[in-house]
C-alpha atoms as a PDB file:
ATOM      1  CA  MET A   1     180.877 147.670  46.246  1.00  0.00           C
ATOM      2  CA  ALA A   2     180.999 146.743  49.917  1.00  0.00           C
ATOM      3  CA  ALA A   3     177.904 147.226  52.055  1.00  0.00           C
ATOM      4  CA  HIS A   4     179.791 149.843  54.080  1.00  0.00           C
ATOM      5  CA  ASP A   5     180.538 151.822  50.889  1.00  0.00           C
ATOM      6  CA  ALA A   6     176.935 151.629  49.752  1.00  0.00           C
ATOM      7  CA  GLY A   7     175.818 153.035  53.117  1.00  0.00           C
ATOM      8  CA  ILE A   8     178.265 155.902  52.892  1.00  0.00           C
ATOM      9  CA  LEU A   9     177.159 156.838  49.407  1.00  0.00           C
ATOM     10  CA  SER A  10     173.414 156.734  49.953  1.00  0.00           C
ATOM     11  CA  ALA A  11     171.759 160.113  50.288  1.00  0.00           C
ATOM     12  CA  GLU A  12     168.070 160.455  50.941  1.00  0.00           C
ATOM     13  CA  ALA A  13     166.282 163.413  49.448  1.00  0.00           C
ATOM     14  CA  SER A  14     162.879 164.950  49.787  1.00  0.00           C
ATOM     15  CA  PRO A  15     160.596 164.484  46.789  1.00  0.00           C
ATOM     16  CA  GLY A  16     161.472 166.977  44.074  1.00  0.00           C
ATOM     17  CA  GLN A  17     164.873 167.826  45.561  1.00  0.00           C
ATOM     18  CA  GLY A  18     168.343 166.530  44.797  1.00  0.00           C
ATOM     19  CA  PRO A  19     170.466 164.493  47.184  1.00  0.00           C
ATOM     20  CA  ARG A  20     171.362 166.022  50.506  1.00  0.00           C
ATOM     21  CA  PRO A  21     174.939 167.302  50.921  1.00  0.00           C
ATOM     22  CA  PHE A  22     177.271 164.552  52.135  1.00  0.00           C
ATOM     23  CA  VAL A  23     179.357 165.193  55.272  1.00  0.00           C
ATOM     24  CA  ILE A  24     181.499 163.159  57.653  1.00  0.00           C
ATOM     25  CA  GLY A  25     182.388 163.734  61.301  1.00  0.00           C
ATOM     26  CA  TYR A  26     185.611 163.718  63.282  1.00  0.00           C
ATOM     27  CA  ILE A  27     186.238 163.661  67.031  1.00  0.00           C
ATOM     28  CA  ASP A  28     189.603 163.778  68.787  1.00  0.00           C
ATOM     29  CA  ALA A  29     188.711 162.036  72.058  1.00  0.00           C
ATOM     30  CA  ALA A  30     191.778 163.529  73.759  1.00  0.00           C
ATOM     31  CA  SER A  31     190.133 166.950  73.350  1.00  0.00           C
ATOM     32  CA  LEU A  32     187.204 165.670  75.419  1.00  0.00           C
ATOM     33  CA  SER A  33     189.117 163.798  78.133  1.00  0.00           C
ATOM     34  CA  ARG A  34     188.215 166.288  80.888  1.00  0.00           C
ATOM     35  CA  ARG A  35     184.492 165.931  80.214  1.00  0.00           C
ATOM     36  CA  GLY A  36     184.154 162.344  81.363  1.00  0.00           C
ATOM     37  CA  PRO A  37     183.481 158.933  79.835  1.00  0.00           C
ATOM     38  CA  LYS A  38     180.246 159.914  78.064  1.00  0.00           C
ATOM     39  CA  ALA A  39     181.815 162.862  76.223  1.00  0.00           C
ATOM     40  CA  VAL A  40     182.541 160.974  72.981  1.00  0.00           C
ATOM     41  CA  ALA A  41     178.993 159.615  72.787  1.00  0.00           C
ATOM     42  CA  GLN A  42     177.627 163.110  73.438  1.00  0.00           C
ATOM     43  CA  ALA A  43     179.879 164.597  70.730  1.00  0.00           C
ATOM     44  CA  ARG A  44     178.730 161.907  68.261  1.00  0.00           C
ATOM     45  CA  ALA A  45     175.106 162.662  69.104  1.00  0.00           C
ATOM     46  CA  ARG A  46     175.696 166.387  68.648  1.00  0.00           C
ATOM     47  CA  ILE A  47     177.242 165.824  65.218  1.00  0.00           C
ATOM     48  CA  ALA A  48     174.350 163.551  64.204  1.00  0.00           C
ATOM     49  CA  LYS A  49     171.755 166.054  65.450  1.00  0.00           C
ATOM     50  CA  TYR A  50     173.407 168.932  63.602  1.00  0.00           C
ATOM     51  CA  ALA A  51     173.506 166.902  60.381  1.00  0.00           C
ATOM     52  CA  ALA A  52     169.840 165.952  60.750  1.00  0.00           C
ATOM     53  CA  ASP A  53     168.785 169.516  61.594  1.00  0.00           C
ATOM     54  CA  MET A  54     170.679 170.899  58.583  1.00  0.00           C
ATOM     55  CA  GLN A  55     169.407 168.097  56.306  1.00  0.00           C
ATOM     56  CA  LEU A  56     172.898 166.774  55.643  1.00  0.00           C
ATOM     57  CA  ASP A  57     173.686 163.159  54.821  1.00  0.00           C
ATOM     58  CA  LEU A  58     176.120 162.129  57.562  1.00  0.00           C
ATOM     59  CA  GLY A  59     178.486 159.305  56.696  1.00  0.00           C
ATOM     60  CA  HIS A  60     180.791 157.894  59.347  1.00  0.00           C
ATOM     61  CA  THR A  61     182.047 159.865  62.358  1.00  0.00           C
ATOM     62  CA  TYR A  62     185.694 158.998  62.926  1.00  0.00           C
ATOM     63  CA  VAL A  63     186.979 159.023  66.517  1.00  0.00           C
ATOM     64  CA  ASP A  64     190.640 159.189  67.477  1.00  0.00           C
ATOM     65  CA  TYR A  65     191.221 157.771  70.949  1.00  0.00           C
ATOM     66  CA  PRO A  66     194.439 158.521  72.849  1.00  0.00           C
ATOM     67  CA  GLY A  67     197.132 155.942  72.259  1.00  0.00           C
ATOM     68  CA  LEU A  68     196.068 155.000  68.722  1.00  0.00           C
ATOM     69  CA  GLY A  69     198.504 157.363  67.010  1.00  0.00           C
ATOM     70  CA  GLY A  70     195.929 159.260  64.979  1.00  0.00           C
ATOM     71  CA  SER A  71     194.888 156.246  62.925  1.00  0.00           C
ATOM     72  CA  SER A  72     191.266 157.411  62.685  1.00  0.00           C
ATOM     73  CA  PHE A  73     192.387 160.757  61.305  1.00  0.00           C
ATOM     74  CA  ARG A  74     194.366 158.970  58.589  1.00  0.00           C
ATOM     75  CA  VAL A  75     191.275 156.904  57.703  1.00  0.00           C
ATOM     76  CA  LEU A  76     189.188 160.095  57.688  1.00  0.00           C
ATOM     77  CA  MET A  77     191.620 161.657  55.195  1.00  0.00           C
ATOM     78  CA  ILE A  78     191.396 158.620  52.908  1.00  0.00           C
ATOM     79  CA  ALA A  79     187.594 158.681  53.093  1.00  0.00           C
ATOM     80  CA  ALA A  80     187.485 162.442  52.445  1.00  0.00           C
ATOM     81  CA  GLN A  81     189.710 162.091  49.389  1.00  0.00           C
ATOM     82  CA  HIS A  82     187.651 159.171  48.083  1.00  0.00           C
ATOM     83  CA  TYR A  83     184.080 160.324  48.847  1.00  0.00           C
ATOM     84  CA  ASN A  84     184.527 164.144  48.630  1.00  0.00           C
ATOM     85  CA  PRO A  85     182.269 165.264  51.482  1.00  0.00           C
ATOM     86  CA  GLN A  86     181.299 168.916  51.478  1.00  0.00           C
ATOM     87  CA  GLN A  87     182.135 169.312  55.161  1.00  0.00           C
ATOM     88  CA  ILE A  88     183.892 167.593  58.016  1.00  0.00           C
ATOM     89  CA  LEU A  89     181.892 168.239  61.176  1.00  0.00           C
ATOM     90  CA  VAL A  90     183.888 168.623  64.406  1.00  0.00           C
ATOM     91  CA  PRO A  91     182.704 169.551  67.918  1.00  0.00           C
ATOM     92  CA  SER A  92     185.203 172.455  67.975  1.00  0.00           C
ATOM     93  CA  LEU A  93     188.375 173.530  66.201  1.00  0.00           C
ATOM     94  CA  ALA A  94     190.387 172.022  69.071  1.00  0.00           C
ATOM     95  CA  HIS A  95     189.699 168.635  67.450  1.00  0.00           C
ATOM     96  CA  VAL A  96     191.663 169.579  64.318  1.00  0.00           C
ATOM     97  CA  ASP A  97     194.196 172.051  65.735  1.00  0.00           C
ATOM     98  CA  ALA A  98     196.613 169.341  66.873  1.00  0.00           C
ATOM     99  CA  GLN A  99     199.546 168.373  64.696  1.00  0.00           C
ATOM    100  CA  SER A 100     198.767 165.448  62.435  1.00  0.00           C
ATOM    101  CA  ASP A 101     201.866 163.307  62.900  1.00  0.00           C
ATOM    102  CA  VAL A 102     205.610 163.325  62.350  1.00  0.00           C
ATOM    103  CA  ARG A 103     205.355 162.544  58.618  1.00  0.00           C
ATOM    104  CA  HIS A 104     203.515 165.798  57.935  1.00  0.00           C
ATOM    105  CA  GLY A 105     205.885 168.089  59.794  1.00  0.00           C
ATOM    106  CA  ASP A 106     204.211 170.710  61.920  1.00  0.00           C
ATOM    107  CA  ARG A 107     201.005 170.983  59.863  1.00  0.00           C
ATOM    108  CA  THR A 108     197.810 170.740  61.859  1.00  0.00           C
ATOM    109  CA  ARG A 109     195.008 168.365  60.997  1.00  0.00           C
ATOM    110  CA  GLN A 110     192.970 171.339  59.826  1.00  0.00           C
ATOM    111  CA  GLU A 111     195.745 172.398  57.425  1.00  0.00           C
ATOM    112  CA  LEU A 112     195.967 168.871  56.023  1.00  0.00           C
ATOM    113  CA  ILE A 113     192.209 168.765  55.453  1.00  0.00           C
ATOM    114  CA  ARG A 114     192.388 172.088  53.596  1.00  0.00           C
ATOM    115  CA  GLN A 115     195.395 171.058  51.502  1.00  0.00           C
ATOM    116  CA  CYS A 116     194.400 167.495  50.661  1.00  0.00           C
ATOM    117  CA  THR A 117     190.604 167.502  50.363  1.00  0.00           C
ATOM    118  CA  ARG A 118     187.762 169.622  49.045  1.00  0.00           C
ATOM    119  CA  ALA A 119     185.956 169.471  52.385  1.00  0.00           C
ATOM    120  CA  LYS A 120     185.442 172.440  54.661  1.00  0.00           C
ATOM    121  CA  VAL A 121     185.906 172.007  58.404  1.00  0.00           C
ATOM    122  CA  ARG A 122     182.667 172.922  60.210  1.00  0.00           C
ATOM    123  CA  PRO A 123     183.040 173.357  63.979  1.00  0.00           C
ATOM    124  CA  LEU A 124     179.756 172.998  65.851  1.00  0.00           C
ATOM    125  CA  SER A 125     180.834 175.196  68.749  1.00  0.00           C
ATOM    126  CA  GLY A 126     179.787 178.337  66.918  1.00  0.00           C
ATOM    127  CA  GLN A 127     183.168 178.974  65.329  1.00  0.00           C
ATOM    128  CA  ARG A 128     182.877 179.517  61.606  1.00  0.00           C
ATOM    129  CA  MET A 129     185.383 178.719  58.877  1.00  0.00           C
END
């Protein structure tokens, strides 16, 4: 097992309790473009803080930057299918409302997550799913 995999799978727990629920994060940087150059770092920090506050074990936070063709979303989907996180944390639903890519027709990223993984999308902007 690669060191990266071992880090993803580790889950710390309080004494007498089971492992913390495993989650991953996703940010579509294009959704933050109007907020300035620090917006992605702030969104990452917000995801990490939420996970810590809720006692969740946060794996990787995947970031799709404009011009990369959604490659981070494809990696997120592979990771979600392989590691079965309980939730995918996003700053808001705008990050998963965009269409995935041409190969998936007009399905949004959120629809693909629902159809292809066991994870629930959890927007941090107060929207509930």
